[in-house]
Amino acid sequence: MPYFYLARCSDNSLYSGSCLDLKKREDKHNSGKGAKYTRSRRPVKIVYSEEFETLAKAKKREAQVKSLSKTEKEQILLIDK
């Protein structure tokens, strides 16, 4: 299943991404083979995700969230609780 996710980095920043397998993606980030942004901010922990019917829809949500401020991204995490 395709997912949109937010990952908490070691510097407390949030990284937004999309993938097909959350566990594999988290492992990839933490091995240093993920996004350039997360390579120097390891360890990374996926703290939020949304499931979508297609990867295109997950990527659309990723683009939407990437444009938000950190405060707005943090609000997404609070709403989920």
PDB file of N, CA and C in Angstrom:
ATOM      1  N   MET A   1       0.834  -1.186   0.000  1.00  0.00           N
ATOM      2  CA  MET A   1       0.000   0.000   0.000  1.00  0.00           C
ATOM      3  C   MET A   1       0.880   1.251   0.000  1.00  0.00           C
ATOM      4  N   PRO A   2       0.531   2.257  -0.743  1.00  0.00           N
ATOM      5  CA  PRO A   2       1.275   3.518  -0.736  1.00  0.00           C
ATOM      6  C   PRO A   2       0.954   4.345   0.514  1.00  0.00           C
ATOM      7  N   TYR A   3       1.971   5.042   1.003  1.00  0.00           N
ATOM      8  CA  TYR A   3       1.834   5.849   2.209  1.00  0.00           C
ATOM      9  C   TYR A   3       2.447   7.226   2.019  1.00  0.00           C
ATOM     10  N   PHE A   4       1.889   8.192   2.707  1.00  0.00           N
ATOM     11  CA  PHE A   4       2.530   9.474   2.975  1.00  0.00           C
ATOM     12  C   PHE A   4       2.989   9.359   4.422  1.00  0.00           C
ATOM     13  N   TYR A   5       4.154   9.914   4.754  1.00  0.00           N
ATOM     14  CA  TYR A   5       4.622   9.825   6.137  1.00  0.00           C
ATOM     15  C   TYR A   5       5.352  11.080   6.578  1.00  0.00           C
ATOM     16  N   LEU A   6       5.409  11.256   7.886  1.00  0.00           N
ATOM     17  CA  LEU A   6       6.253  12.261   8.523  1.00  0.00           C
ATOM     18  C   LEU A   6       7.253  11.513   9.383  1.00  0.00           C
ATOM     19  N   ALA A   7       8.515  11.874   9.244  1.00  0.00           N
ATOM     20  CA  ALA A   7       9.574  11.254  10.031  1.00  0.00           C
ATOM     21  C   ALA A   7      10.214  12.317  10.916  1.00  0.00           C
ATOM     22  N   ARG A   8      10.413  11.984  12.174  1.00  0.00           N
ATOM     23  CA  ARG A   8      11.086  12.877  13.118  1.00  0.00           C
ATOM     24  C   ARG A   8      12.587  12.581  13.041  1.00  0.00           C
ATOM     25  N   CYS A   9      13.358  13.613  12.783  1.00  0.00           N
ATOM     26  CA  CYS A   9      14.816  13.466  12.693  1.00  0.00           C
ATOM     27  C   CYS A   9      15.452  13.752  14.050  1.00  0.00           C
ATOM     28  N   SER A  10      16.723  13.407  14.182  1.00  0.00           N
ATOM     29  CA  SER A  10      17.419  13.572  15.465  1.00  0.00           C
ATOM     30  C   SER A  10      17.508  15.027  15.907  1.00  0.00           C
ATOM     31  N   ASP A  11      17.424  15.974  14.974  1.00  0.00           N
ATOM     32  CA  ASP A  11      17.458  17.392  15.325  1.00  0.00           C
ATOM     33  C   ASP A  11      16.053  17.953  15.594  1.00  0.00           C
ATOM     34  N   ASN A  12      15.068  17.061  15.692  1.00  0.00           N
ATOM     35  CA  ASN A  12      13.665  17.372  15.969  1.00  0.00           C
ATOM     36  C   ASN A  12      12.929  17.951  14.764  1.00  0.00           C
ATOM     37  N   SER A  13      13.565  18.001  13.607  1.00  0.00           N
ATOM     38  CA  SER A  13      12.870  18.459  12.405  1.00  0.00           C
ATOM     39  C   SER A  13      11.963  17.339  11.907  1.00  0.00           C
ATOM     40  N   LEU A  14      11.053  17.697  11.012  1.00  0.00           N
ATOM     41  CA  LEU A  14      10.143  16.720  10.423  1.00  0.00           C
ATOM     42  C   LEU A  14      10.418  16.619   8.931  1.00  0.00           C
ATOM     43  N   TYR A  15      10.536  15.404   8.446  1.00  0.00           N
ATOM     44  CA  TYR A  15      10.739  15.140   7.031  1.00  0.00           C
ATOM     45  C   TYR A  15       9.463  14.501   6.499  1.00  0.00           C
ATOM     46  N   SER A  16       8.939  14.998   5.377  1.00  0.00           N
ATOM     47  CA  SER A  16       7.758  14.381   4.778  1.00  0.00           C
ATOM     48  C   SER A  16       8.161  13.628   3.526  1.00  0.00           C
ATOM     49  N   GLY A  17       7.549  12.450   3.373  1.00  0.00           N
ATOM     50  CA  GLY A  17       7.863  11.626   2.219  1.00  0.00           C
ATOM     51  C   GLY A  17       6.714  10.696   1.876  1.00  0.00           C
ATOM     52  N   SER A  18       6.937   9.894   0.849  1.00  0.00           N
ATOM     53  CA  SER A  18       5.954   8.887   0.452  1.00  0.00           C
ATOM     54  C   SER A  18       6.699   7.618   0.074  1.00  0.00           C
ATOM     55  N   CYS A  19       6.034   6.491   0.228  1.00  0.00           N
ATOM     56  CA  CYS A  19       6.685   5.213  -0.026  1.00  0.00           C
ATOM     57  C   CYS A  19       5.644   4.106  -0.136  1.00  0.00           C
ATOM     58  N   LEU A  20       6.123   2.902  -0.425  1.00  0.00           N
ATOM     59  CA  LEU A  20       5.243   1.732  -0.477  1.00  0.00           C
ATOM     60  C   LEU A  20       5.345   0.874   0.781  1.00  0.00           C
ATOM     61  N   ASP A  21       6.465   0.979   1.504  1.00  0.00           N
ATOM     62  CA  ASP A  21       6.698   0.152   2.695  1.00  0.00           C
ATOM     63  C   ASP A  21       7.348   1.035   3.767  1.00  0.00           C
ATOM     64  N   LEU A  22       6.613   1.332   4.837  1.00  0.00           N
ATOM     65  CA  LEU A  22       7.105   2.249   5.870  1.00  0.00           C
ATOM     66  C   LEU A  22       8.357   1.734   6.574  1.00  0.00           C
ATOM     67  N   LYS A  23       8.370   0.469   6.933  1.00  0.00           N
ATOM     68  CA  LYS A  23       9.521  -0.098   7.652  1.00  0.00           C
ATOM     69  C   LYS A  23      10.780  -0.040   6.788  1.00  0.00           C
ATOM     70  N   LYS A  24      10.652  -0.442   5.526  1.00  0.00           N
ATOM     71  CA  LYS A  24      11.809  -0.408   4.624  1.00  0.00           C
ATOM     72  C   LYS A  24      12.301   1.019   4.416  1.00  0.00           C
ATOM     73  N   ARG A  25      11.358   1.959   4.328  1.00  0.00           N
ATOM     74  CA  ARG A  25      11.751   3.353   4.111  1.00  0.00           C
ATOM     75  C   ARG A  25      12.468   3.912   5.328  1.00  0.00           C
ATOM     76  N   GLU A  26      11.974   3.605   6.517  1.00  0.00           N
ATOM     77  CA  GLU A  26      12.648   4.061   7.735  1.00  0.00           C
ATOM     78  C   GLU A  26      14.048   3.465   7.809  1.00  0.00           C
ATOM     79  N   ASP A  27      14.165   2.186   7.506  1.00  0.00           N
ATOM     80  CA  ASP A  27      15.480   1.533   7.501  1.00  0.00           C
ATOM     81  C   ASP A  27      16.421   2.181   6.488  1.00  0.00           C
ATOM     82  N   LYS A  28      15.882   2.542   5.330  1.00  0.00           N
ATOM     83  CA  LYS A  28      16.699   3.172   4.290  1.00  0.00           C
ATOM     84  C   LYS A  28      17.204   4.529   4.765  1.00  0.00           C
ATOM     85  N   HIS A  29      16.328   5.315   5.378  1.00  0.00           N
ATOM     86  CA  HIS A  29      16.765   6.608   5.928  1.00  0.00           C
ATOM     87  C   HIS A  29      17.883   6.398   6.950  1.00  0.00           C
ATOM     88  N   ASN A  30      17.699   5.442   7.833  1.00  0.00           N
ATOM     89  CA  ASN A  30      18.660   5.232   8.918  1.00  0.00           C
ATOM     90  C   ASN A  30      19.962   4.581   8.469  1.00  0.00           C
ATOM     91  N   SER A  31      19.961   3.971   7.302  1.00  0.00           N
ATOM     92  CA  SER A  31      21.207   3.395   6.772  1.00  0.00           C
ATOM     93  C   SER A  31      22.022   4.446   6.024  1.00  0.00           C
ATOM     94  N   GLY A  32      21.455   5.642   5.852  1.00  0.00           N
ATOM     95  CA  GLY A  32      22.154   6.703   5.132  1.00  0.00           C
ATOM     96  C   GLY A  32      21.918   6.679   3.639  1.00  0.00           C
ATOM     97  N   LYS A  33      21.019   5.810   3.184  1.00  0.00           N
ATOM     98  CA  LYS A  33      20.734   5.689   1.759  1.00  0.00           C
ATOM     99  C   LYS A  33      19.404   6.312   1.379  1.00  0.00           C
ATOM    100  N   GLY A  34      18.781   6.996   2.328  1.00  0.00           N
ATOM    101  CA  GLY A  34      17.500   7.655   2.060  1.00  0.00           C
ATOM    102  C   GLY A  34      17.730   9.046   1.503  1.00  0.00           C
ATOM    103  N   ALA A  35      16.831   9.937   1.804  1.00  0.00           N
ATOM    104  CA  ALA A  35      16.898  11.306   1.307  1.00  0.00           C
ATOM    105  C   ALA A  35      18.142  12.025   1.826  1.00  0.00           C
ATOM    106  N   LYS A  36      18.670  12.912   1.008  1.00  0.00           N
ATOM    107  CA  LYS A  36      19.848  13.696   1.393  1.00  0.00           C
ATOM    108  C   LYS A  36      19.595  14.452   2.698  1.00  0.00           C
ATOM    109  N   TYR A  37      18.370  14.969   2.849  1.00  0.00           N
ATOM    110  CA  TYR A  37      18.022  15.735   4.051  1.00  0.00           C
ATOM    111  C   TYR A  37      18.221  14.916   5.323  1.00  0.00           C
ATOM    112  N   THR A  38      17.843  13.642   5.290  1.00  0.00           N
ATOM    113  CA  THR A  38      17.876  12.834   6.518  1.00  0.00           C
ATOM    114  C   THR A  38      19.252  12.228   6.800  1.00  0.00           C
ATOM    115  N   ARG A  39      20.151  12.216   5.829  1.00  0.00           N
ATOM    116  CA  ARG A  39      21.454  11.557   6.026  1.00  0.00           C
ATOM    117  C   ARG A  39      22.237  12.116   7.206  1.00  0.00           C
ATOM    118  N   SER A  40      22.185  13.414   7.390  1.00  0.00           N
ATOM    119  CA  SER A  40      22.929  14.027   8.496  1.00  0.00           C
ATOM    120  C   SER A  40      22.061  14.244   9.728  1.00  0.00           C
ATOM    121  N   ARG A  41      20.862  13.701   9.700  1.00  0.00           N
ATOM    122  CA  ARG A  41      19.931  13.900  10.812  1.00  0.00           C
ATOM    123  C   ARG A  41      19.440  12.564  11.386  1.00  0.00           C
ATOM    124  N   ARG A  42      20.262  11.563  11.293  1.00  0.00           N
ATOM    125  CA  ARG A  42      19.893  10.243  11.802  1.00  0.00           C
ATOM    126  C   ARG A  42      20.121  10.176  13.302  1.00  0.00           C
ATOM    127  N   PRO A  43      19.385   9.331  13.997  1.00  0.00           N
ATOM    128  CA  PRO A  43      18.364   8.416  13.500  1.00  0.00           C
ATOM    129  C   PRO A  43      17.050   9.133  13.184  1.00  0.00           C
ATOM    130  N   VAL A  44      16.290   8.493  12.328  1.00  0.00           N
ATOM    131  CA  VAL A  44      15.000   8.992  11.873  1.00  0.00           C
ATOM    132  C   VAL A  44      13.931   8.002  12.312  1.00  0.00           C
ATOM    133  N   LYS A  45      12.795   8.513  12.763  1.00  0.00           N
ATOM    134  CA  LYS A  45      11.694   7.644  13.190  1.00  0.00           C
ATOM    135  C   LYS A  45      10.419   8.126  12.514  1.00  0.00           C
ATOM    136  N   ILE A  46       9.742   7.234  11.798  1.00  0.00           N
ATOM    137  CA  ILE A  46       8.459   7.604  11.196  1.00  0.00           C
ATOM    138  C   ILE A  46       7.428   7.701  12.317  1.00  0.00           C
ATOM    139  N   VAL A  47       6.857   8.893  12.451  1.00  0.00           N
ATOM    140  CA  VAL A  47       5.952   9.166  13.569  1.00  0.00           C
ATOM    141  C   VAL A  47       4.500   9.336  13.141  1.00  0.00           C
ATOM    142  N   TYR A  48       4.254   9.370  11.828  1.00  0.00           N
ATOM    143  CA  TYR A  48       2.892   9.571  11.330  1.00  0.00           C
ATOM    144  C   TYR A  48       2.814   9.034   9.911  1.00  0.00           C
ATOM    145  N   SER A  49       1.673   8.457   9.573  1.00  0.00           N
ATOM    146  CA  SER A  49       1.483   8.008   8.185  1.00  0.00           C
ATOM    147  C   SER A  49       0.001   8.023   7.819  1.00  0.00           C
ATOM    148  N   GLU A  50      -0.238   8.147   6.524  1.00  0.00           N
ATOM    149  CA  GLU A  50      -1.574   8.055   5.943  1.00  0.00           C
ATOM    150  C   GLU A  50      -1.492   7.082   4.784  1.00  0.00           C
ATOM    151  N   GLU A  51      -2.472   6.229   4.642  1.00  0.00           N
ATOM    152  CA  GLU A  51      -2.508   5.226   3.571  1.00  0.00           C
ATOM    153  C   GLU A  51      -3.327   5.763   2.394  1.00  0.00           C
ATOM    154  N   PHE A  52      -2.869   5.468   1.172  1.00  0.00           N
ATOM    155  CA  PHE A  52      -3.549   5.932  -0.038  1.00  0.00           C
ATOM    156  C   PHE A  52      -3.749   4.786  -1.013  1.00  0.00           C
ATOM    157  N   GLU A  53      -4.660   4.982  -1.946  1.00  0.00           N
ATOM    158  CA  GLU A  53      -4.947   3.972  -2.971  1.00  0.00           C
ATOM    159  C   GLU A  53      -3.823   3.870  -3.992  1.00  0.00           C
ATOM    160  N   THR A  54      -3.191   5.009  -4.288  1.00  0.00           N
ATOM    161  CA  THR A  54      -2.119   5.015  -5.287  1.00  0.00           C
ATOM    162  C   THR A  54      -0.928   5.820  -4.770  1.00  0.00           C
ATOM    163  N   LEU A  55       0.245   5.535  -5.314  1.00  0.00           N
ATOM    164  CA  LEU A  55       1.443   6.287  -4.946  1.00  0.00           C
ATOM    165  C   LEU A  55       1.313   7.736  -5.403  1.00  0.00           C
ATOM    166  N   ALA A  56       0.648   7.957  -6.525  1.00  0.00           N
ATOM    167  CA  ALA A  56       0.446   9.328  -7.010  1.00  0.00           C
ATOM    168  C   ALA A  56      -0.329  10.161  -5.992  1.00  0.00           C
ATOM    169  N   LYS A  57      -1.336   9.569  -5.359  1.00  0.00           N
ATOM    170  CA  LYS A  57      -2.117  10.287  -4.343  1.00  0.00           C
ATOM    171  C   LYS A  57      -1.268  10.544  -3.096  1.00  0.00           C
ATOM    172  N   ALA A  58      -0.432   9.591  -2.725  1.00  0.00           N
ATOM    173  CA  ALA A  58       0.458   9.770  -1.577  1.00  0.00           C
ATOM    174  C   ALA A  58       1.462  10.894  -1.862  1.00  0.00           C
ATOM    175  N   LYS A  59       1.989  10.940  -3.071  1.00  0.00           N
ATOM    176  CA  LYS A  59       2.935  11.988  -3.449  1.00  0.00           C
ATOM    177  C   LYS A  59       2.266  13.360  -3.494  1.00  0.00           C
ATOM    178  N   LYS A  60       1.008  13.394  -3.876  1.00  0.00           N
ATOM    179  CA  LYS A  60       0.261  14.651  -3.884  1.00  0.00           C
ATOM    180  C   LYS A  60       0.125  15.173  -2.452  1.00  0.00           C
ATOM    181  N   ARG A  61      -0.196  14.281  -1.521  1.00  0.00           N
ATOM    182  CA  ARG A  61      -0.296  14.665  -0.104  1.00  0.00           C
ATOM    183  C   ARG A  61       1.070  15.116   0.420  1.00  0.00           C
ATOM    184  N   GLU A  62       2.132  14.413   0.017  1.00  0.00           N
ATOM    185  CA  GLU A  62       3.488  14.793   0.418  1.00  0.00           C
ATOM    186  C   GLU A  62       3.786  16.229  -0.024  1.00  0.00           C
ATOM    187  N   ALA A  63       3.492  16.556  -1.259  1.00  0.00           N
ATOM    188  CA  ALA A  63       3.740  17.906  -1.775  1.00  0.00           C
ATOM    189  C   ALA A  63       2.938  18.944  -0.987  1.00  0.00           C
ATOM    190  N   GLN A  64       1.711  18.593  -0.647  1.00  0.00           N
ATOM    191  CA  GLN A  64       0.849  19.490   0.123  1.00  0.00           C
ATOM    192  C   GLN A  64       1.461  19.771   1.494  1.00  0.00           C
ATOM    193  N   VAL A  65       1.911  18.727   2.172  1.00  0.00           N
ATOM    194  CA  VAL A  65       2.446  18.880   3.531  1.00  0.00           C
ATOM    195  C   VAL A  65       3.821  19.538   3.514  1.00  0.00           C
ATOM    196  N   LYS A  66       4.636  19.276   2.499  1.00  0.00           N
ATOM    197  CA  LYS A  66       5.963  19.890   2.419  1.00  0.00           C
ATOM    198  C   LYS A  66       5.872  21.413   2.410  1.00  0.00           C
ATOM    199  N   SER A  67       4.779  21.955   1.903  1.00  0.00           N
ATOM    200  CA  SER A  67       4.628  23.410   1.842  1.00  0.00           C
ATOM    201  C   SER A  67       4.190  24.021   3.176  1.00  0.00           C
ATOM    202  N   LEU A  68       3.853  23.192   4.153  1.00  0.00           N
ATOM    203  CA  LEU A  68       3.414  23.679   5.464  1.00  0.00           C
ATOM    204  C   LEU A  68       4.602  24.069   6.333  1.00  0.00           C
ATOM    205  N   SER A  69       4.352  24.917   7.308  1.00  0.00           N
ATOM    206  CA  SER A  69       5.383  25.271   8.283  1.00  0.00           C
ATOM    207  C   SER A  69       5.568  24.094   9.258  1.00  0.00           C
ATOM    208  N   LYS A  70       6.652  24.147  10.019  1.00  0.00           N
ATOM    209  CA  LYS A  70       6.886  23.092  11.009  1.00  0.00           C
ATOM    210  C   LYS A  70       5.743  23.061  12.022  1.00  0.00           C
ATOM    211  N   THR A  71       5.262  24.219  12.424  1.00  0.00           N
ATOM    212  CA  THR A  71       4.149  24.288  13.375  1.00  0.00           C
ATOM    213  C   THR A  71       2.912  23.593  12.821  1.00  0.00           C
ATOM    214  N   GLU A  72       2.634  23.819  11.550  1.00  0.00           N
ATOM    215  CA  GLU A  72       1.475  23.175  10.930  1.00  0.00           C
ATOM    216  C   GLU A  72       1.665  21.667  10.819  1.00  0.00           C
ATOM    217  N   LYS A  73       2.890  21.232  10.553  1.00  0.00           N
ATOM    218  CA  LYS A  73       3.179  19.793  10.509  1.00  0.00           C
ATOM    219  C   LYS A  73       3.008  19.178  11.897  1.00  0.00           C
ATOM    220  N   GLU A  74       3.443  19.898  12.917  1.00  0.00           N
ATOM    221  CA  GLU A  74       3.282  19.410  14.297  1.00  0.00           C
ATOM    222  C   GLU A  74       1.799  19.276  14.636  1.00  0.00           C
ATOM    223  N   GLN A  75       0.964  20.146  14.100  1.00  0.00           N
ATOM    224  CA  GLN A  75      -0.479  20.072  14.337  1.00  0.00           C
ATOM    225  C   GLN A  75      -1.061  18.780  13.761  1.00  0.00           C
ATOM    226  N   ILE A  76      -0.541  18.344  12.628  1.00  0.00           N
ATOM    227  CA  ILE A  76      -0.984  17.071  12.046  1.00  0.00           C
ATOM    228  C   ILE A  76      -0.743  15.936  13.032  1.00  0.00           C
ATOM    229  N   LEU A  77       0.405  15.972  13.704  1.00  0.00           N
ATOM    230  CA  LEU A  77       0.738  14.920  14.686  1.00  0.00           C
ATOM    231  C   LEU A  77      -0.217  14.983  15.880  1.00  0.00           C
ATOM    232  N   LEU A  78      -0.566  16.183  16.309  1.00  0.00           N
ATOM    233  CA  LEU A  78      -1.460  16.329  17.460  1.00  0.00           C
ATOM    234  C   LEU A  78      -2.873  15.863  17.148  1.00  0.00           C
ATOM    235  N   ILE A  79      -3.335  16.125  15.933  1.00  0.00           N
ATOM    236  CA  ILE A  79      -4.677  15.725  15.529  1.00  0.00           C
ATOM    237  C   ILE A  79      -4.799  14.196  15.525  1.00  0.00           C
ATOM    238  N   ASP A  80      -3.696  13.540  15.156  1.00  0.00           N
ATOM    239  CA  ASP A  80      -3.698  12.072  15.053  1.00  0.00           C
ATOM    240  C   ASP A  80      -3.814  11.395  16.422  1.00  0.00           C
ATOM    241  N   LYS A  81      -3.468  12.083  17.500  1.00  0.00           N
ATOM    242  CA  LYS A  81      -3.449  11.446  18.830  1.00  0.00           C
ATOM    243  C   LYS A  81      -4.818  11.259  19.405  1.00  0.00           C
TER     244      LYS A  81
END
